[in-house]
Amino acid sequence: MVERRSATTGEKLPAAEGYLFIDPKKCTGCSSCMLACSTAHFGRTSLALASIQILDDPFGSFPADIEMAICRQCIAPQCVTACPTGAMHVDPEHHSVRRIDSDVCIGCRKCIRACPFTPPRIRFDRERKKAVKCDLCKQTPYRDGR
């Protein structure tokens, strides 16, 4: 197993204690989870703002016609080690989730390029010019409908 360390502190990174799990045999591709994600995080329904991405292949066969592109909370997160500012970090107060501090993110996209998945599980928010990824609902200012 490859041991990963933080690019900014050199500390060993602990494993995340959770991740989103989606049952592909039950997902219909309705995008409700994407709309709920964008609403809870940004206060508006927008598929482009969601950190959960459901990809529908109209030529595919069930259950391989739908792909759930969500952050896997990698044991050895290349996105964390690639971040030059420490914005992408392991949050020990929230079950070691891999998350982005938007106040520290400089929008360099190194985390996006470092993600081993296709498509990358991190996306670039063109409005704020920051990287965004699933934070397991750590920061959801609009979750209660405010």
N, C-alpha and C. Protein backbone atom coordinates (compact mmCIF):
# COMPACT_ATOMS: atom_id res chain seq x y z
N MET A 1 0.84 -1.18 0.00
CA MET A 1 0.00 0.00 0.00
C MET A 1 0.88 1.24 0.00
N VAL A 2 0.51 2.21 -0.82
CA VAL A 2 1.25 3.46 -0.90
C VAL A 2 0.81 4.36 0.24
N GLU A 3 1.77 4.87 0.97
CA GLU A 3 1.45 5.80 2.05
C GLU A 3 1.47 7.21 1.49
N ARG A 4 0.42 7.96 1.74
CA ARG A 4 0.35 9.33 1.25
C ARG A 4 0.54 10.28 2.42
N ARG A 5 1.16 11.40 2.11
CA ARG A 5 1.39 12.43 3.10
C ARG A 5 0.93 13.76 2.53
N SER A 6 0.55 14.65 3.41
CA SER A 6 0.12 15.97 3.01
C SER A 6 1.28 16.71 2.35
N ALA A 7 0.99 17.40 1.24
CA ALA A 7 2.03 18.15 0.53
C ALA A 7 2.51 19.34 1.35
N THR A 8 1.64 19.89 2.19
CA THR A 8 2.01 21.09 2.94
C THR A 8 2.61 20.78 4.30
N THR A 9 2.14 19.71 4.97
CA THR A 9 2.63 19.43 6.33
C THR A 9 3.50 18.19 6.41
N GLY A 10 3.42 17.30 5.42
CA GLY A 10 4.20 16.06 5.45
C GLY A 10 3.61 14.99 6.36
N GLU A 11 2.44 15.25 6.96
CA GLU A 11 1.81 14.29 7.86
C GLU A 11 1.18 13.13 7.10
N LYS A 12 1.18 11.95 7.73
CA LYS A 12 0.50 10.79 7.16
C LYS A 12 -1.00 11.07 7.18
N LEU A 13 -1.69 10.70 6.11
CA LEU A 13 -3.12 10.98 5.99
C LEU A 13 -3.95 9.80 6.49
N PRO A 14 -4.88 10.03 7.43
CA PRO A 14 -5.73 8.95 7.91
C PRO A 14 -6.81 8.59 6.89
N ALA A 15 -7.29 7.37 6.98
CA ALA A 15 -8.37 6.92 6.09
C ALA A 15 -9.67 7.64 6.46
N ALA A 16 -10.49 7.91 5.46
CA ALA A 16 -11.80 8.50 5.70
C ALA A 16 -12.68 7.45 6.37
N GLU A 17 -13.55 7.90 7.23
CA GLU A 17 -14.44 6.99 7.95
C GLU A 17 -15.78 6.81 7.26
N GLY A 18 -15.94 7.39 6.09
CA GLY A 18 -17.20 7.23 5.38
C GLY A 18 -17.10 7.70 3.95
N TYR A 19 -18.11 7.38 3.16
CA TYR A 19 -18.22 7.83 1.79
C TYR A 19 -19.66 7.59 1.36
N LEU A 20 -20.06 8.24 0.29
CA LEU A 20 -21.41 8.02 -0.23
C LEU A 20 -21.45 6.69 -0.97
N PHE A 21 -22.51 5.95 -0.75
CA PHE A 21 -22.70 4.69 -1.47
C PHE A 21 -24.03 4.78 -2.19
N ILE A 22 -24.00 4.49 -3.47
CA ILE A 22 -25.22 4.50 -4.27
C ILE A 22 -25.39 3.11 -4.87
N ASP A 23 -26.55 2.54 -4.71
CA ASP A 23 -26.85 1.23 -5.27
C ASP A 23 -27.25 1.41 -6.74
N PRO A 24 -26.41 0.99 -7.68
CA PRO A 24 -26.71 1.21 -9.10
C PRO A 24 -27.96 0.48 -9.58
N LYS A 25 -28.38 -0.55 -8.87
CA LYS A 25 -29.58 -1.28 -9.29
C LYS A 25 -30.85 -0.56 -8.86
N LYS A 26 -30.72 0.42 -7.96
CA LYS A 26 -31.89 1.18 -7.51
C LYS A 26 -31.93 2.58 -8.07
N CYS A 27 -30.81 3.06 -8.59
CA CYS A 27 -30.75 4.41 -9.14
C CYS A 27 -31.44 4.44 -10.51
N THR A 28 -32.35 5.40 -10.68
CA THR A 28 -33.06 5.55 -11.95
C THR A 28 -32.48 6.68 -12.80
N GLY A 29 -31.49 7.39 -12.24
CA GLY A 29 -30.90 8.50 -12.97
C GLY A 29 -31.77 9.74 -12.98
N CYS A 30 -32.63 9.90 -12.00
CA CYS A 30 -33.57 11.02 -11.97
C CYS A 30 -32.91 12.35 -11.62
N SER A 31 -31.71 12.31 -11.09
CA SER A 31 -30.93 13.50 -10.73
C SER A 31 -31.42 14.22 -9.48
N SER A 32 -32.34 13.63 -8.74
CA SER A 32 -32.83 14.25 -7.51
C SER A 32 -31.71 14.48 -6.50
N CYS A 33 -30.77 13.53 -6.41
CA CYS A 33 -29.66 13.67 -5.48
C CYS A 33 -28.77 14.84 -5.87
N MET A 34 -28.60 15.06 -7.17
CA MET A 34 -27.79 16.18 -7.65
C MET A 34 -28.46 17.51 -7.31
N LEU A 35 -29.77 17.57 -7.48
CA LEU A 35 -30.50 18.79 -7.16
C LEU A 35 -30.50 19.07 -5.67
N ALA A 36 -30.63 18.02 -4.86
CA ALA A 36 -30.58 18.19 -3.41
C ALA A 36 -29.20 18.66 -2.97
N CYS A 37 -28.16 18.13 -3.59
CA CYS A 37 -26.78 18.53 -3.28
C CYS A 37 -26.56 20.01 -3.57
N SER A 38 -26.94 20.45 -4.75
CA SER A 38 -26.73 21.87 -5.10
C SER A 38 -27.59 22.79 -4.24
N THR A 39 -28.79 22.36 -3.89
CA THR A 39 -29.67 23.18 -3.06
C THR A 39 -29.10 23.33 -1.65
N ALA A 40 -28.64 22.24 -1.07
CA ALA A 40 -28.10 22.27 0.30
C ALA A 40 -26.80 23.07 0.39
N HIS A 41 -25.98 22.99 -0.66
CA HIS A 41 -24.69 23.67 -0.63
C HIS A 41 -24.72 25.11 -1.15
N PHE A 42 -25.57 25.37 -2.17
CA PHE A 42 -25.54 26.68 -2.83
C PHE A 42 -26.87 27.44 -2.80
N GLY A 43 -27.92 26.80 -2.29
CA GLY A 43 -29.20 27.48 -2.17
C GLY A 43 -29.99 27.58 -3.46
N ARG A 44 -29.57 26.82 -4.48
CA ARG A 44 -30.31 26.82 -5.74
C ARG A 44 -30.15 25.47 -6.43
N THR A 45 -31.16 25.12 -7.20
CA THR A 45 -31.10 23.85 -7.91
C THR A 45 -30.35 24.04 -9.22
N SER A 46 -29.24 23.32 -9.33
CA SER A 46 -28.41 23.41 -10.53
C SER A 46 -27.62 22.12 -10.65
N LEU A 47 -27.84 21.40 -11.73
CA LEU A 47 -27.08 20.16 -11.94
C LEU A 47 -25.59 20.46 -12.06
N ALA A 48 -25.24 21.61 -12.59
CA ALA A 48 -23.83 21.98 -12.76
C ALA A 48 -23.13 22.23 -11.43
N LEU A 49 -23.86 22.59 -10.38
CA LEU A 49 -23.24 22.88 -9.09
C LEU A 49 -23.12 21.66 -8.19
N ALA A 50 -23.76 20.57 -8.54
CA ALA A 50 -23.77 19.38 -7.68
C ALA A 50 -22.40 18.72 -7.62
N SER A 51 -22.03 18.28 -6.43
CA SER A 51 -20.79 17.52 -6.25
C SER A 51 -21.00 16.04 -6.56
N ILE A 52 -22.24 15.63 -6.62
CA ILE A 52 -22.60 14.29 -7.05
C ILE A 52 -22.92 14.40 -8.54
N GLN A 53 -22.33 13.53 -9.34
CA GLN A 53 -22.63 13.57 -10.77
C GLN A 53 -23.16 12.19 -11.19
N ILE A 54 -24.35 12.18 -11.76
CA ILE A 54 -24.96 10.97 -12.29
C ILE A 54 -24.88 11.07 -13.81
N LEU A 55 -24.17 10.13 -14.41
CA LEU A 55 -23.95 10.14 -15.85
C LEU A 55 -24.81 9.07 -16.50
N ASP A 56 -25.65 9.47 -17.41
CA ASP A 56 -26.59 8.57 -18.06
C ASP A 56 -26.11 8.27 -19.48
N ASP A 57 -25.94 7.00 -19.80
CA ASP A 57 -25.53 6.57 -21.13
C ASP A 57 -26.78 6.04 -21.85
N PRO A 58 -27.36 6.81 -22.76
CA PRO A 58 -28.59 6.39 -23.42
C PRO A 58 -28.42 5.14 -24.28
N PHE A 59 -27.18 4.77 -24.60
CA PHE A 59 -26.94 3.58 -25.41
C PHE A 59 -26.54 2.38 -24.56
N GLY A 60 -26.43 2.55 -23.24
CA GLY A 60 -26.03 1.47 -22.35
C GLY A 60 -27.19 0.59 -21.97
N SER A 61 -26.86 -0.53 -21.35
CA SER A 61 -27.88 -1.48 -20.88
C SER A 61 -27.89 -1.50 -19.35
N PHE A 62 -29.07 -1.65 -18.77
CA PHE A 62 -29.22 -1.70 -17.32
C PHE A 62 -28.38 -2.83 -16.74
N PRO A 63 -27.68 -2.64 -15.63
CA PRO A 63 -27.54 -1.44 -14.82
C PRO A 63 -26.34 -0.59 -15.20
N ALA A 64 -25.66 -0.92 -16.29
CA ALA A 64 -24.45 -0.19 -16.67
C ALA A 64 -24.75 1.08 -17.46
N ASP A 65 -26.01 1.46 -17.59
CA ASP A 65 -26.35 2.66 -18.34
C ASP A 65 -26.23 3.94 -17.51
N ILE A 66 -26.04 3.77 -16.20
CA ILE A 66 -25.92 4.91 -15.30
C ILE A 66 -24.63 4.76 -14.50
N GLU A 67 -23.84 5.84 -14.47
CA GLU A 67 -22.62 5.83 -13.68
C GLU A 67 -22.72 6.92 -12.62
N MET A 68 -22.35 6.58 -11.40
CA MET A 68 -22.35 7.54 -10.31
C MET A 68 -20.93 8.04 -10.11
N ALA A 69 -20.69 9.28 -10.46
CA ALA A 69 -19.35 9.87 -10.34
C ALA A 69 -19.30 10.69 -9.05
N ILE A 70 -19.03 10.01 -7.96
CA ILE A 70 -18.94 10.66 -6.66
C ILE A 70 -17.57 10.41 -6.05
N CYS A 71 -17.15 11.29 -5.17
CA CYS A 71 -15.84 11.15 -4.54
C CYS A 71 -15.80 9.86 -3.73
N ARG A 72 -14.72 9.10 -3.91
CA ARG A 72 -14.55 7.82 -3.23
C ARG A 72 -13.82 7.93 -1.90
N GLN A 73 -13.45 9.16 -1.52
CA GLN A 73 -12.72 9.37 -0.26
C GLN A 73 -11.53 8.41 -0.20
N CYS A 74 -10.69 8.47 -1.19
CA CYS A 74 -9.56 7.55 -1.38
C CYS A 74 -8.69 7.41 -0.13
N ILE A 75 -8.19 6.19 0.07
CA ILE A 75 -7.27 5.93 1.17
C ILE A 75 -5.98 6.73 0.96
N ALA A 76 -5.51 6.75 -0.27
CA ALA A 76 -4.31 7.52 -0.63
C ALA A 76 -4.74 8.63 -1.58
N PRO A 77 -5.31 9.73 -1.05
CA PRO A 77 -5.89 10.76 -1.91
C PRO A 77 -4.85 11.60 -2.64
N GLN A 78 -4.74 11.34 -3.93
CA GLN A 78 -3.79 12.08 -4.74
C GLN A 78 -4.15 13.56 -4.85
N CYS A 79 -5.44 13.85 -4.72
CA CYS A 79 -5.88 15.25 -4.78
C CYS A 79 -5.32 16.04 -3.60
N VAL A 80 -5.29 15.43 -2.43
CA VAL A 80 -4.77 16.09 -1.23
C VAL A 80 -3.28 16.34 -1.36
N THR A 81 -2.56 15.33 -1.83
CA THR A 81 -1.12 15.49 -1.93
C THR A 81 -0.72 16.44 -3.05
N ALA A 82 -1.57 16.64 -4.04
CA ALA A 82 -1.26 17.54 -5.16
C ALA A 82 -1.53 19.00 -4.83
N CYS A 83 -2.34 19.28 -3.84
CA CYS A 83 -2.74 20.66 -3.53
C CYS A 83 -1.57 21.45 -2.95
N PRO A 84 -1.18 22.55 -3.61
CA PRO A 84 -0.02 23.31 -3.13
C PRO A 84 -0.30 24.22 -1.94
N THR A 85 -1.58 24.47 -1.64
CA THR A 85 -1.90 25.42 -0.57
C THR A 85 -2.45 24.77 0.69
N GLY A 86 -2.80 23.48 0.60
CA GLY A 86 -3.44 22.82 1.74
C GLY A 86 -4.94 23.01 1.77
N ALA A 87 -5.49 23.65 0.72
CA ALA A 87 -6.95 23.83 0.66
C ALA A 87 -7.64 22.48 0.62
N MET A 88 -7.10 21.56 -0.17
CA MET A 88 -7.61 20.19 -0.20
C MET A 88 -6.93 19.48 0.96
N HIS A 89 -7.73 19.06 1.91
CA HIS A 89 -7.16 18.49 3.12
C HIS A 89 -8.05 17.40 3.71
N VAL A 90 -7.52 16.72 4.70
CA VAL A 90 -8.27 15.72 5.46
C VAL A 90 -8.81 16.42 6.69
N ASP A 91 -10.11 16.36 6.89
CA ASP A 91 -10.76 17.05 8.01
C ASP A 91 -10.94 16.08 9.18
N PRO A 92 -10.06 16.13 10.17
CA PRO A 92 -10.15 15.19 11.30
C PRO A 92 -11.39 15.39 12.16
N GLU A 93 -11.99 16.57 12.11
CA GLU A 93 -13.20 16.83 12.90
C GLU A 93 -14.46 16.28 12.24
N HIS A 94 -14.37 15.87 11.00
CA HIS A 94 -15.53 15.34 10.28
C HIS A 94 -15.19 14.00 9.65
N HIS A 95 -14.76 13.07 10.47
CA HIS A 95 -14.51 11.68 10.07
C HIS A 95 -13.45 11.54 8.98
N SER A 96 -12.48 12.44 8.97
CA SER A 96 -11.35 12.42 8.02
C SER A 96 -11.79 12.52 6.56
N VAL A 97 -12.91 13.18 6.33
CA VAL A 97 -13.37 13.40 4.95
C VAL A 97 -12.35 14.27 4.22
N ARG A 98 -12.16 13.98 2.96
CA ARG A 98 -11.29 14.78 2.12
C ARG A 98 -12.13 15.94 1.60
N ARG A 99 -11.74 17.16 1.93
CA ARG A 99 -12.56 18.31 1.55
C ARG A 99 -11.71 19.50 1.16
N ILE A 100 -12.36 20.51 0.63
CA ILE A 100 -11.69 21.71 0.13
C ILE A 100 -12.09 22.91 0.97
N ASP A 101 -11.11 23.64 1.45
CA ASP A 101 -11.36 24.91 2.13
C ASP A 101 -11.39 25.97 1.04
N SER A 102 -12.58 26.47 0.71
CA SER A 102 -12.71 27.41 -0.41
C SER A 102 -12.01 28.73 -0.15
N ASP A 103 -11.78 29.07 1.13
CA ASP A 103 -11.06 30.31 1.43
C ASP A 103 -9.57 30.19 1.10
N VAL A 104 -9.06 28.97 1.04
CA VAL A 104 -7.64 28.73 0.79
C VAL A 104 -7.39 28.31 -0.67
N CYS A 105 -8.41 27.78 -1.32
CA CYS A 105 -8.27 27.30 -2.71
C CYS A 105 -7.93 28.46 -3.64
N ILE A 106 -6.92 28.27 -4.48
CA ILE A 106 -6.51 29.30 -5.44
C ILE A 106 -6.98 28.98 -6.85
N GLY A 107 -7.71 27.89 -7.02
CA GLY A 107 -8.26 27.53 -8.33
C GLY A 107 -7.24 27.03 -9.33
N CYS A 108 -6.15 26.44 -8.87
CA CYS A 108 -5.09 25.98 -9.77
C CYS A 108 -5.45 24.69 -10.51
N ARG A 109 -6.43 23.95 -10.02
CA ARG A 109 -6.95 22.72 -10.62
C ARG A 109 -5.99 21.53 -10.54
N LYS A 110 -4.94 21.64 -9.74
CA LYS A 110 -4.02 20.51 -9.59
C LYS A 110 -4.71 19.31 -8.97
N CYS A 111 -5.65 19.53 -8.08
CA CYS A 111 -6.40 18.44 -7.46
C CYS A 111 -7.24 17.71 -8.50
N ILE A 112 -7.82 18.46 -9.43
CA ILE A 112 -8.64 17.87 -10.48
C ILE A 112 -7.79 16.99 -11.39
N ARG A 113 -6.63 17.49 -11.76
CA ARG A 113 -5.72 16.71 -12.62
C ARG A 113 -5.17 15.48 -11.88
N ALA A 114 -5.05 15.57 -10.57
CA ALA A 114 -4.49 14.46 -9.79
C ALA A 114 -5.50 13.35 -9.52
N CYS A 115 -6.78 13.64 -9.62
CA CYS A 115 -7.82 12.63 -9.35
C CYS A 115 -7.67 11.48 -10.34
N PRO A 116 -7.58 10.24 -9.83
CA PRO A 116 -7.36 9.09 -10.70
C PRO A 116 -8.61 8.61 -11.45
N PHE A 117 -9.75 9.20 -11.18
CA PHE A 117 -11.00 8.74 -11.80
C PHE A 117 -11.35 9.57 -13.03
N THR A 118 -12.06 8.93 -13.95
CA THR A 118 -12.57 9.60 -15.14
C THR A 118 -14.08 9.45 -15.14
N PRO A 119 -14.83 10.53 -15.12
CA PRO A 119 -14.35 11.89 -14.98
C PRO A 119 -13.84 12.15 -13.56
N PRO A 120 -13.04 13.20 -13.37
CA PRO A 120 -12.53 13.49 -12.03
C PRO A 120 -13.69 13.73 -11.06
N ARG A 121 -13.50 13.35 -9.82
CA ARG A 121 -14.54 13.50 -8.81
C ARG A 121 -14.53 14.89 -8.19
N ILE A 122 -13.67 15.73 -8.69
CA ILE A 122 -13.60 17.13 -8.29
C ILE A 122 -13.97 17.94 -9.52
N ARG A 123 -14.75 18.97 -9.34
CA ARG A 123 -15.10 19.80 -10.48
C ARG A 123 -14.68 21.23 -10.20
N PHE A 124 -14.63 22.02 -11.24
CA PHE A 124 -14.24 23.42 -11.11
C PHE A 124 -15.48 24.29 -11.21
N ASP A 125 -15.71 25.10 -10.18
CA ASP A 125 -16.83 26.04 -10.16
C ASP A 125 -16.36 27.31 -10.87
N ARG A 126 -16.85 27.51 -12.07
CA ARG A 126 -16.40 28.65 -12.89
C ARG A 126 -16.84 29.99 -12.32
N GLU A 127 -17.95 30.02 -11.58
CA GLU A 127 -18.42 31.27 -10.99
C GLU A 127 -17.47 31.75 -9.88
N ARG A 128 -17.13 30.83 -8.98
CA ARG A 128 -16.27 31.20 -7.85
C ARG A 128 -14.79 30.99 -8.15
N LYS A 129 -14.50 30.30 -9.24
CA LYS A 129 -13.11 29.97 -9.64
C LYS A 129 -12.39 29.19 -8.53
N LYS A 130 -13.10 28.16 -8.06
CA LYS A 130 -12.60 27.28 -7.00
C LYS A 130 -12.92 25.83 -7.35
N ALA A 131 -12.13 24.92 -6.81
CA ALA A 131 -12.43 23.49 -6.94
C ALA A 131 -13.52 23.13 -5.94
N VAL A 132 -14.38 22.17 -6.32
CA VAL A 132 -15.48 21.73 -5.48
C VAL A 132 -15.57 20.22 -5.55
N LYS A 133 -15.82 19.57 -4.40
CA LYS A 133 -16.02 18.13 -4.38
C LYS A 133 -16.96 17.76 -3.24
N CYS A 134 -17.39 16.54 -3.23
CA CYS A 134 -18.27 16.06 -2.16
C CYS A 134 -17.56 16.17 -0.82
N ASP A 135 -18.23 16.78 0.13
CA ASP A 135 -17.68 16.93 1.47
C ASP A 135 -18.51 16.14 2.49
N LEU A 136 -19.28 15.18 1.99
CA LEU A 136 -20.20 14.38 2.83
C LEU A 136 -21.11 15.29 3.65
N CYS A 137 -21.53 16.38 3.03
CA CYS A 137 -22.46 17.36 3.61
C CYS A 137 -21.90 18.07 4.85
N LYS A 138 -20.62 18.27 4.90
CA LYS A 138 -19.99 19.02 5.99
C LYS A 138 -20.43 20.48 5.97
N GLN A 139 -20.38 21.10 4.80
CA GLN A 139 -20.77 22.49 4.68
C GLN A 139 -22.04 22.59 3.85
N THR A 140 -23.17 22.65 4.51
CA THR A 140 -24.45 22.75 3.82
C THR A 140 -25.25 23.91 4.43
N PRO A 141 -24.90 25.13 4.07
CA PRO A 141 -25.56 26.29 4.68
C PRO A 141 -27.05 26.40 4.37
N TYR A 142 -27.51 25.73 3.32
CA TYR A 142 -28.92 25.82 2.93
C TYR A 142 -29.69 24.53 3.20
N ARG A 143 -29.11 23.65 3.98
CA ARG A 143 -29.72 22.33 4.21
C ARG A 143 -31.10 22.41 4.87
N ASP A 144 -31.28 23.37 5.76
CA ASP A 144 -32.55 23.49 6.47
C ASP A 144 -33.53 24.40 5.75
N GLY A 145 -33.25 24.70 4.48
CA GLY A 145 -34.17 25.52 3.71
C GLY A 145 -34.02 27.01 3.95
N ARG A 146 -32.91 27.41 4.55
CA ARG A 146 -32.69 28.83 4.82
C ARG A 146 -32.40 29.60 3.57
